[in-house]
Amino acid sequence: MLDAREIYSLSDFQRNAKQFIEQLQESHKPIVLTVNGKASVILQDAASYQELLDELTVFRSAAMIRQGMAEAETGQDRDVVEALEELRLKHDIPR
């Protein structure tokens, strides 16, 4: 969740970019930049952004596993040999 205290104007960021970057790297909390009083951009330090991407990858993988398990339970699964043969034929891949 974004902290309402971490909202700044783009102009303020441009005048004090170095201090904002130091703040991001120390706190690991994103900040919101506004343009004409409206939220426009969210800034985050690189390490926190990478951590977010890694977590998203794990969650997506878990969702795909759950989906596969649900399909298997309802009989929607397929034999891997048959599926690979179908792909081979579809893409005209020689044996």
PDB file of N, CA and C in Angstrom:
ATOM      1  N   MET A   1       0.833  -1.175   0.000  1.00  0.00           N
ATOM      2  CA  MET A   1       0.000   0.000   0.000  1.00  0.00           C
ATOM      3  C   MET A   1       0.881   1.243   0.000  1.00  0.00           C
ATOM      4  N   LEU A   2       0.463   2.240  -0.748  1.00  0.00           N
ATOM      5  CA  LEU A   2       1.234   3.476  -0.813  1.00  0.00           C
ATOM      6  C   LEU A   2       0.937   4.359   0.384  1.00  0.00           C
ATOM      7  N   ASP A   3       1.966   4.996   0.870  1.00  0.00           N
ATOM      8  CA  ASP A   3       1.853   5.898   2.004  1.00  0.00           C
ATOM      9  C   ASP A   3       1.473   7.281   1.484  1.00  0.00           C
ATOM     10  N   ALA A   4       0.399   7.842   1.994  1.00  0.00           N
ATOM     11  CA  ALA A   4      -0.051   9.164   1.549  1.00  0.00           C
ATOM     12  C   ALA A   4       0.994  10.242   1.817  1.00  0.00           C
ATOM     13  N   ARG A   5       1.917   9.947   2.717  1.00  0.00           N
ATOM     14  CA  ARG A   5       2.983  10.910   2.997  1.00  0.00           C
ATOM     15  C   ARG A   5       4.086  10.851   1.947  1.00  0.00           C
ATOM     16  N   GLU A   6       4.038   9.890   1.057  1.00  0.00           N
ATOM     17  CA  GLU A   6       5.069   9.705   0.034  1.00  0.00           C
ATOM     18  C   GLU A   6       4.563  10.159  -1.337  1.00  0.00           C
ATOM     19  N   ILE A   7       3.864  11.286  -1.381  1.00  0.00           N
ATOM     20  CA  ILE A   7       3.353  11.848  -2.624  1.00  0.00           C
ATOM     21  C   ILE A   7       3.990  13.216  -2.821  1.00  0.00           C
ATOM     22  N   TYR A   8       4.612  13.396  -3.983  1.00  0.00           N
ATOM     23  CA  TYR A   8       5.335  14.627  -4.266  1.00  0.00           C
ATOM     24  C   TYR A   8       5.053  15.073  -5.701  1.00  0.00           C
ATOM     25  N   SER A   9       5.244  16.352  -5.940  1.00  0.00           N
ATOM     26  CA  SER A   9       5.060  16.855  -7.300  1.00  0.00           C
ATOM     27  C   SER A   9       6.280  16.501  -8.138  1.00  0.00           C
ATOM     28  N   LEU A  10       6.055  16.376  -9.424  1.00  0.00           N
ATOM     29  CA  LEU A  10       7.152  16.103 -10.344  1.00  0.00           C
ATOM     30  C   LEU A  10       8.184  17.220 -10.286  1.00  0.00           C
ATOM     31  N   SER A  11       7.717  18.447 -10.147  1.00  0.00           N
ATOM     32  CA  SER A  11       8.637  19.596 -10.056  1.00  0.00           C
ATOM     33  C   SER A  11       9.552  19.468  -8.844  1.00  0.00           C
ATOM     34  N   ASP A  12       8.980  19.066  -7.708  1.00  0.00           N
ATOM     35  CA  ASP A  12       9.772  18.878  -6.488  1.00  0.00           C
ATOM     36  C   ASP A  12      10.814  17.782  -6.710  1.00  0.00           C
ATOM     37  N   PHE A  13      10.407  16.697  -7.374  1.00  0.00           N
ATOM     38  CA  PHE A  13      11.350  15.615  -7.668  1.00  0.00           C
ATOM     39  C   PHE A  13      12.478  16.118  -8.562  1.00  0.00           C
ATOM     40  N   GLN A  14      12.153  16.884  -9.579  1.00  0.00           N
ATOM     41  CA  GLN A  14      13.171  17.380 -10.505  1.00  0.00           C
ATOM     42  C   GLN A  14      14.178  18.282  -9.793  1.00  0.00           C
ATOM     43  N   ARG A  15      13.714  19.079  -8.841  1.00  0.00           N
ATOM     44  CA  ARG A  15      14.613  19.968  -8.106  1.00  0.00           C
ATOM     45  C   ARG A  15      15.501  19.209  -7.114  1.00  0.00           C
ATOM     46  N   ASN A  16      15.019  18.073  -6.629  1.00  0.00           N
ATOM     47  CA  ASN A  16      15.727  17.350  -5.558  1.00  0.00           C
ATOM     48  C   ASN A  16      15.906  15.869  -5.893  1.00  0.00           C
ATOM     49  N   ALA A  17      16.188  15.558  -7.131  1.00  0.00           N
ATOM     50  CA  ALA A  17      16.253  14.161  -7.586  1.00  0.00           C
ATOM     51  C   ALA A  17      17.224  13.327  -6.759  1.00  0.00           C
ATOM     52  N   LYS A  18      18.397  13.863  -6.460  1.00  0.00           N
ATOM     53  CA  LYS A  18      19.400  13.092  -5.728  1.00  0.00           C
ATOM     54  C   LYS A  18      18.872  12.674  -4.347  1.00  0.00           C
ATOM     55  N   GLN A  19      18.230  13.598  -3.643  1.00  0.00           N
ATOM     56  CA  GLN A  19      17.700  13.284  -2.315  1.00  0.00           C
ATOM     57  C   GLN A  19      16.573  12.248  -2.401  1.00  0.00           C
ATOM     58  N   PHE A  20      15.724  12.371  -3.426  1.00  0.00           N
ATOM     59  CA  PHE A  20      14.641  11.403  -3.586  1.00  0.00           C
ATOM     60  C   PHE A  20      15.192  10.002  -3.867  1.00  0.00           C
ATOM     61  N   ILE A  21      16.201   9.923  -4.690  1.00  0.00           N
ATOM     62  CA  ILE A  21      16.801   8.625  -5.001  1.00  0.00           C
ATOM     63  C   ILE A  21      17.418   8.013  -3.755  1.00  0.00           C
ATOM     64  N   GLU A  22      18.106   8.820  -2.964  1.00  0.00           N
ATOM     65  CA  GLU A  22      18.670   8.322  -1.707  1.00  0.00           C
ATOM     66  C   GLU A  22      17.559   7.816  -0.781  1.00  0.00           C
ATOM     67  N   GLN A  23      16.445   8.565  -0.715  1.00  0.00           N
ATOM     68  CA  GLN A  23      15.310   8.162   0.119  1.00  0.00           C
ATOM     69  C   GLN A  23      14.746   6.823  -0.353  1.00  0.00           C
ATOM     70  N   LEU A  24      14.606   6.656  -1.662  1.00  0.00           N
ATOM     71  CA  LEU A  24      14.083   5.402  -2.214  1.00  0.00           C
ATOM     72  C   LEU A  24      14.994   4.233  -1.869  1.00  0.00           C
ATOM     73  N   GLN A  25      16.293   4.435  -1.989  1.00  0.00           N
ATOM     74  CA  GLN A  25      17.244   3.360  -1.730  1.00  0.00           C
ATOM     75  C   GLN A  25      17.319   3.004  -0.249  1.00  0.00           C
ATOM     76  N   GLU A  26      17.098   3.962   0.614  1.00  0.00           N
ATOM     77  CA  GLU A  26      17.148   3.697   2.049  1.00  0.00           C
ATOM     78  C   GLU A  26      15.852   3.085   2.575  1.00  0.00           C
ATOM     79  N   SER A  27      14.723   3.638   2.148  1.00  0.00           N
ATOM     80  CA  SER A  27      13.433   3.211   2.717  1.00  0.00           C
ATOM     81  C   SER A  27      12.826   2.015   1.992  1.00  0.00           C
ATOM     82  N   HIS A  28      13.169   1.834   0.724  1.00  0.00           N
ATOM     83  CA  HIS A  28      12.584   0.790  -0.122  1.00  0.00           C
ATOM     84  C   HIS A  28      11.067   0.944  -0.257  1.00  0.00           C
ATOM     85  N   LYS A  29      10.575   2.158  -0.007  1.00  0.00           N
ATOM     86  CA  LYS A  29       9.153   2.451  -0.163  1.00  0.00           C
ATOM     87  C   LYS A  29       8.965   3.273  -1.430  1.00  0.00           C
ATOM     88  N   PRO A  30       8.006   2.912  -2.267  1.00  0.00           N
ATOM     89  CA  PRO A  30       7.769   3.680  -3.486  1.00  0.00           C
ATOM     90  C   PRO A  30       7.216   5.068  -3.168  1.00  0.00           C
ATOM     91  N   ILE A  31       7.418   5.997  -4.099  1.00  0.00           N
ATOM     92  CA  ILE A  31       6.838   7.323  -3.966  1.00  0.00           C
ATOM     93  C   ILE A  31       5.991   7.609  -5.200  1.00  0.00           C
ATOM     94  N   VAL A  32       4.999   8.448  -5.010  1.00  0.00           N
ATOM     95  CA  VAL A  32       4.104   8.839  -6.091  1.00  0.00           C
ATOM     96  C   VAL A  32       4.471  10.257  -6.512  1.00  0.00           C
ATOM     97  N   LEU A  33       4.595  10.456  -7.815  1.00  0.00           N
ATOM     98  CA  LEU A  33       4.830  11.795  -8.337  1.00  0.00           C
ATOM     99  C   LEU A  33       3.559  12.265  -9.025  1.00  0.00           C
ATOM    100  N   THR A  34       3.224  13.521  -8.790  1.00  0.00           N
ATOM    101  CA  THR A  34       2.016  14.081  -9.377  1.00  0.00           C
ATOM    102  C   THR A  34       2.355  15.090 -10.466  1.00  0.00           C
ATOM    103  N   VAL A  35       1.441  15.189 -11.418  1.00  0.00           N
ATOM    104  CA  VAL A  35       1.504  16.211 -12.456  1.00  0.00           C
ATOM    105  C   VAL A  35       0.145  16.900 -12.434  1.00  0.00           C
ATOM    106  N   ASN A  36       0.173  18.208 -12.264  1.00  0.00           N
ATOM    107  CA  ASN A  36      -1.060  18.987 -12.139  1.00  0.00           C
ATOM    108  C   ASN A  36      -1.968  18.444 -11.040  1.00  0.00           C
ATOM    109  N   GLY A  37      -1.355  17.993  -9.944  1.00  0.00           N
ATOM    110  CA  GLY A  37      -2.112  17.542  -8.786  1.00  0.00           C
ATOM    111  C   GLY A  37      -2.667  16.135  -8.864  1.00  0.00           C
ATOM    112  N   LYS A  38      -2.394  15.428  -9.954  1.00  0.00           N
ATOM    113  CA  LYS A  38      -2.904  14.068 -10.105  1.00  0.00           C
ATOM    114  C   LYS A  38      -1.747  13.076 -10.144  1.00  0.00           C
ATOM    115  N   ALA A  39      -1.942  11.923  -9.495  1.00  0.00           N
ATOM    116  CA  ALA A  39      -0.910  10.884  -9.497  1.00  0.00           C
ATOM    117  C   ALA A  39      -0.577  10.517 -10.935  1.00  0.00           C
ATOM    118  N   SER A  40       0.721  10.503 -11.246  1.00  0.00           N
ATOM    119  CA  SER A  40       1.134  10.249 -12.624  1.00  0.00           C
ATOM    120  C   SER A  40       2.147   9.120 -12.728  1.00  0.00           C
ATOM    121  N   VAL A  41       3.075   9.059 -11.779  1.00  0.00           N
ATOM    122  CA  VAL A  41       4.168   8.093 -11.853  1.00  0.00           C
ATOM    123  C   VAL A  41       4.478   7.568 -10.461  1.00  0.00           C
ATOM    124  N   ILE A  42       4.853   6.285 -10.410  1.00  0.00           N
ATOM    125  CA  ILE A  42       5.332   5.706  -9.154  1.00  0.00           C
ATOM    126  C   ILE A  42       6.796   5.351  -9.348  1.00  0.00           C
ATOM    127  N   LEU A  43       7.625   5.776  -8.418  1.00  0.00           N
ATOM    128  CA  LEU A  43       9.051   5.463  -8.462  1.00  0.00           C
ATOM    129  C   LEU A  43       9.383   4.465  -7.366  1.00  0.00           C
ATOM    130  N   GLN A  44      10.284   3.543  -7.705  1.00  0.00           N
ATOM    131  CA  GLN A  44      10.674   2.502  -6.762  1.00  0.00           C
ATOM    132  C   GLN A  44      12.147   2.189  -6.999  1.00  0.00           C
ATOM    133  N   ASP A  45      12.849   1.831  -5.936  1.00  0.00           N
ATOM    134  CA  ASP A  45      14.252   1.467  -6.096  1.00  0.00           C
ATOM    135  C   ASP A  45      14.355   0.128  -6.835  1.00  0.00           C
ATOM    136  N   ALA A  46      15.475  -0.082  -7.501  1.00  0.00           N
ATOM    137  CA  ALA A  46      15.654  -1.254  -8.366  1.00  0.00           C
ATOM    138  C   ALA A  46      15.549  -2.570  -7.602  1.00  0.00           C
ATOM    139  N   ALA A  47      16.119  -2.647  -6.417  1.00  0.00           N
ATOM    140  CA  ALA A  47      16.082  -3.904  -5.652  1.00  0.00           C
ATOM    141  C   ALA A  47      14.648  -4.277  -5.273  1.00  0.00           C
ATOM    142  N   SER A  48      13.862  -3.306  -4.841  1.00  0.00           N
ATOM    143  CA  SER A  48      12.470  -3.580  -4.479  1.00  0.00           C
ATOM    144  C   SER A  48      11.652  -3.957  -5.702  1.00  0.00           C
ATOM    145  N   TYR A  49      11.939  -3.317  -6.828  1.00  0.00           N
ATOM    146  CA  TYR A  49      11.228  -3.646  -8.061  1.00  0.00           C
ATOM    147  C   TYR A  49      11.529  -5.085  -8.484  1.00  0.00           C
ATOM    148  N   GLN A  50      12.794  -5.487  -8.399  1.00  0.00           N
ATOM    149  CA  GLN A  50      13.158  -6.854  -8.762  1.00  0.00           C
ATOM    150  C   GLN A  50      12.492  -7.857  -7.832  1.00  0.00           C
ATOM    151  N   GLU A  51      12.432  -7.531  -6.549  1.00  0.00           N
ATOM    152  CA  GLU A  51      11.763  -8.407  -5.579  1.00  0.00           C
ATOM    153  C   GLU A  51      10.282  -8.562  -5.939  1.00  0.00           C
ATOM    154  N   LEU A  52       9.655  -7.466  -6.336  1.00  0.00           N
ATOM    155  CA  LEU A  52       8.254  -7.506  -6.751  1.00  0.00           C
ATOM    156  C   LEU A  52       8.064  -8.396  -7.978  1.00  0.00           C
ATOM    157  N   LEU A  53       8.961  -8.266  -8.956  1.00  0.00           N
ATOM    158  CA  LEU A  53       8.899  -9.111 -10.153  1.00  0.00           C
ATOM    159  C   LEU A  53       9.084 -10.581  -9.805  1.00  0.00           C
ATOM    160  N   ASP A  54      10.011 -10.878  -8.902  1.00  0.00           N
ATOM    161  CA  ASP A  54      10.248 -12.260  -8.489  1.00  0.00           C
ATOM    162  C   ASP A  54       9.005 -12.851  -7.815  1.00  0.00           C
ATOM    163  N   GLU A  55       8.373 -12.073  -6.946  1.00  0.00           N
ATOM    164  CA  GLU A  55       7.157 -12.534  -6.279  1.00  0.00           C
ATOM    165  C   GLU A  55       6.043 -12.769  -7.285  1.00  0.00           C
ATOM    166  N   LEU A  56       5.925 -11.887  -8.254  1.00  0.00           N
ATOM    167  CA  LEU A  56       4.899 -12.044  -9.281  1.00  0.00           C
ATOM    168  C   LEU A  56       5.119 -13.329 -10.074  1.00  0.00           C
ATOM    169  N   THR A  57       6.364 -13.640 -10.386  1.00  0.00           N
ATOM    170  CA  THR A  57       6.686 -14.871 -11.105  1.00  0.00           C
ATOM    171  C   THR A  57       6.257 -16.094 -10.300  1.00  0.00           C
ATOM    172  N   VAL A  58       6.519 -16.079  -9.007  1.00  0.00           N
ATOM    173  CA  VAL A  58       6.129 -17.199  -8.145  1.00  0.00           C
ATOM    174  C   VAL A  58       4.605 -17.340  -8.105  1.00  0.00           C
ATOM    175  N   PHE A  59       3.900 -16.226  -7.948  1.00  0.00           N
ATOM    176  CA  PHE A  59       2.439 -16.275  -7.891  1.00  0.00           C
ATOM    177  C   PHE A  59       1.842 -16.766  -9.201  1.00  0.00           C
ATOM    178  N   ARG A  60       2.389 -16.326 -10.320  1.00  0.00           N
ATOM    179  CA  ARG A  60       1.892 -16.784 -11.624  1.00  0.00           C
ATOM    180  C   ARG A  60       2.153 -18.273 -11.812  1.00  0.00           C
ATOM    181  N   SER A  61       3.324 -18.733 -11.387  1.00  0.00           N
ATOM    182  CA  SER A  61       3.636 -20.160 -11.493  1.00  0.00           C
ATOM    183  C   SER A  61       2.676 -20.981 -10.641  1.00  0.00           C
ATOM    184  N   ALA A  62       2.416 -20.509  -9.435  1.00  0.00           N
ATOM    185  CA  ALA A  62       1.484 -21.220  -8.550  1.00  0.00           C
ATOM    186  C   ALA A  62       0.088 -21.268  -9.160  1.00  0.00           C
ATOM    187  N   ALA A  63      -0.331 -20.179  -9.778  1.00  0.00           N
ATOM    188  CA  ALA A  63      -1.655 -20.151 -10.411  1.00  0.00           C
ATOM    189  C   ALA A  63      -1.722 -21.141 -11.565  1.00  0.00           C
ATOM    190  N   MET A  64      -0.652 -21.237 -12.342  1.00  0.00           N
ATOM    191  CA  MET A  64      -0.632 -22.185 -13.455  1.00  0.00           C
ATOM    192  C   MET A  64      -0.659 -23.625 -12.945  1.00  0.00           C
ATOM    193  N   ILE A  65       0.038 -23.883 -11.859  1.00  0.00           N
ATOM    194  CA  ILE A  65       0.037 -25.229 -11.269  1.00  0.00           C
ATOM    195  C   ILE A  65      -1.362 -25.574 -10.770  1.00  0.00           C
ATOM    196  N   ARG A  66      -2.003 -24.608 -10.072  1.00  0.00           N
ATOM    197  CA  ARG A  66      -3.371 -24.845  -9.599  1.00  0.00           C
ATOM    198  C   ARG A  66      -4.312 -25.115 -10.765  1.00  0.00           C
ATOM    199  N   GLN A  67      -4.156 -24.361 -11.847  1.00  0.00           N
ATOM    200  CA  GLN A  67      -5.001 -24.556 -13.019  1.00  0.00           C
ATOM    201  C   GLN A  67      -4.780 -25.948 -13.611  1.00  0.00           C
ATOM    202  N   GLY A  68      -3.531 -26.364 -13.721  1.00  0.00           N
ATOM    203  CA  GLY A  68      -3.225 -27.686 -14.242  1.00  0.00           C
ATOM    204  C   GLY A  68      -3.793 -28.794 -13.376  1.00  0.00           C
ATOM    205  N   MET A  69      -3.698 -28.624 -12.076  1.00  0.00           N
ATOM    206  CA  MET A  69      -4.251 -29.625 -11.165  1.00  0.00           C
ATOM    207  C   MET A  69      -5.779 -29.694 -11.292  1.00  0.00           C
ATOM    208  N   ALA A  70      -6.416 -28.531 -11.433  1.00  0.00           N
ATOM    209  CA  ALA A  70      -7.875 -28.505 -11.590  1.00  0.00           C
ATOM    210  C   ALA A  70      -8.283 -29.179 -12.894  1.00  0.00           C
ATOM    211  N   GLU A  71      -7.532 -28.925 -13.961  1.00  0.00           N
ATOM    212  CA  GLU A  71      -7.834 -29.552 -15.248  1.00  0.00           C
ATOM    213  C   GLU A  71      -7.651 -31.068 -15.163  1.00  0.00           C
ATOM    214  N   ALA A  72      -6.622 -31.507 -14.468  1.00  0.00           N
ATOM    215  CA  ALA A  72      -6.387 -32.945 -14.326  1.00  0.00           C
ATOM    216  C   ALA A  72      -7.523 -33.600 -13.536  1.00  0.00           C
ATOM    217  N   GLU A  73      -8.013 -32.913 -12.508  1.00  0.00           N
ATOM    218  CA  GLU A  73      -9.103 -33.457 -11.702  1.00  0.00           C
ATOM    219  C   GLU A  73     -10.397 -33.608 -12.499  1.00  0.00           C
ATOM    220  N   THR A  74     -10.582 -32.743 -13.490  1.00  0.00           N
ATOM    221  CA  THR A  74     -11.814 -32.796 -14.286  1.00  0.00           C
ATOM    222  C   THR A  74     -11.625 -33.565 -15.589  1.00  0.00           C
ATOM    223  N   GLY A  75     -10.463 -34.228 -15.727  1.00  0.00           N
ATOM    224  CA  GLY A  75     -10.227 -35.041 -16.916  1.00  0.00           C
ATOM    225  C   GLY A  75      -9.829 -34.257 -18.150  1.00  0.00           C
ATOM    226  N   GLN A  76      -9.377 -33.038 -17.981  1.00  0.00           N
ATOM    227  CA  GLN A  76      -8.975 -32.217 -19.122  1.00  0.00           C
ATOM    228  C   GLN A  76      -7.490 -32.352 -19.442  1.00  0.00           C
ATOM    229  N   ASP A  77      -6.787 -33.201 -18.712  1.00  0.00           N
ATOM    230  CA  ASP A  77      -5.360 -33.368 -18.955  1.00  0.00           C
ATOM    231  C   ASP A  77      -5.131 -34.194 -20.221  1.00  0.00           C
ATOM    232  N   ARG A  78      -3.886 -34.130 -20.735  1.00  0.00           N
ATOM    233  CA  ARG A  78      -3.553 -34.856 -21.958  1.00  0.00           C
ATOM    234  C   ARG A  78      -2.250 -35.613 -21.758  1.00  0.00           C
ATOM    235  N   ASP A  79      -2.096 -36.667 -22.500  1.00  0.00           N
ATOM    236  CA  ASP A  79      -0.860 -37.433 -22.488  1.00  0.00           C
ATOM    237  C   ASP A  79       0.234 -36.588 -23.135  1.00  0.00           C
ATOM    238  N   VAL A  80       1.371 -36.497 -22.486  1.00  0.00           N
ATOM    239  CA  VAL A  80       2.449 -35.639 -22.977  1.00  0.00           C
ATOM    240  C   VAL A  80       2.959 -36.088 -24.350  1.00  0.00           C
ATOM    241  N   VAL A  81       3.033 -37.380 -24.582  1.00  0.00           N
ATOM    242  CA  VAL A  81       3.511 -37.881 -25.877  1.00  0.00           C
ATOM    243  C   VAL A  81       2.559 -37.445 -26.987  1.00  0.00           C
ATOM    244  N   GLU A  82       1.265 -37.548 -26.730  1.00  0.00           N
ATOM    245  CA  GLU A  82       0.273 -37.119 -27.722  1.00  0.00           C
ATOM    246  C   GLU A  82       0.356 -35.611 -27.956  1.00  0.00           C
ATOM    247  N   ALA A  83       0.500 -34.844 -26.909  1.00  0.00           N
ATOM    248  CA  ALA A  83       0.575 -33.392 -27.041  1.00  0.00           C
ATOM    249  C   ALA A  83       1.805 -32.976 -27.840  1.00  0.00           C
ATOM    250  N   LEU A  84       2.954 -33.620 -27.572  1.00  0.00           N
ATOM    251  CA  LEU A  84       4.172 -33.288 -28.310  1.00  0.00           C
ATOM    252  C   LEU A  84       4.058 -33.695 -29.779  1.00  0.00           C
ATOM    253  N   GLU A  85       3.434 -34.825 -30.041  1.00  0.00           N
ATOM    254  CA  GLU A  85       3.231 -35.257 -31.426  1.00  0.00           C
ATOM    255  C   GLU A  85       2.334 -34.267 -32.165  1.00  0.00           C
ATOM    256  N   GLU A  86       1.306 -33.786 -31.493  1.00  0.00           N
ATOM    257  CA  GLU A  86       0.416 -32.795 -32.105  1.00  0.00           C
ATOM    258  C   GLU A  86       1.183 -31.506 -32.436  1.00  0.00           C
ATOM    259  N   LEU A  87       2.039 -31.071 -31.528  1.00  0.00           N
ATOM    260  CA  LEU A  87       2.866 -29.885 -31.787  1.00  0.00           C
ATOM    261  C   LEU A  87       3.834 -30.122 -32.945  1.00  0.00           C
ATOM    262  N   ARG A  88       4.431 -31.320 -32.989  1.00  0.00           N
ATOM    263  CA  ARG A  88       5.362 -31.652 -34.066  1.00  0.00           C
ATOM    264  C   ARG A  88       4.666 -31.548 -35.415  1.00  0.00           C
ATOM    265  N   LEU A  89       3.460 -32.117 -35.515  1.00  0.00           N
ATOM    266  CA  LEU A  89       2.713 -32.080 -36.765  1.00  0.00           C
ATOM    267  C   LEU A  89       2.264 -30.656 -37.106  1.00  0.00           C
ATOM    268  N   LYS A  90       1.797 -29.945 -36.116  1.00  0.00           N
ATOM    269  CA  LYS A  90       1.306 -28.565 -36.326  1.00  0.00           C
ATOM    270  C   LYS A  90       2.392 -27.672 -36.882  1.00  0.00           C
ATOM    271  N   HIS A  91       3.604 -27.835 -36.385  1.00  0.00           N
ATOM    272  CA  HIS A  91       4.715 -26.957 -36.775  1.00  0.00           C
ATOM    273  C   HIS A  91       5.658 -27.620 -37.784  1.00  0.00           C
ATOM    274  N   ASP A  92       5.231 -28.749 -38.323  1.00  0.00           N
ATOM    275  CA  ASP A  92       5.984 -29.446 -39.351  1.00  0.00           C
ATOM    276  C   ASP A  92       7.443 -29.702 -38.917  1.00  0.00           C
ATOM    277  N   ILE A  93       7.589 -30.250 -37.739  1.00  0.00           N
ATOM    278  CA  ILE A  93       8.915 -30.557 -37.194  1.00  0.00           C
ATOM    279  C   ILE A  93       9.239 -32.005 -37.524  1.00  0.00           C
ATOM    280  N   PRO A  94      10.365 -32.239 -38.207  1.00  0.00           N
ATOM    281  CA  PRO A  94      10.718 -33.626 -38.559  1.00  0.00           C
ATOM    282  C   PRO A  94      11.130 -34.412 -37.322  1.00  0.00           C
ATOM    283  N   ARG A  95      11.005 -35.725 -37.424  1.00  0.00           N
ATOM    284  CA  ARG A  95      11.420 -36.601 -36.315  1.00  0.00           C
ATOM    285  C   ARG A  95      12.899 -36.769 -36.290  1.00  0.00           C
TER     286      ARG A  95
END
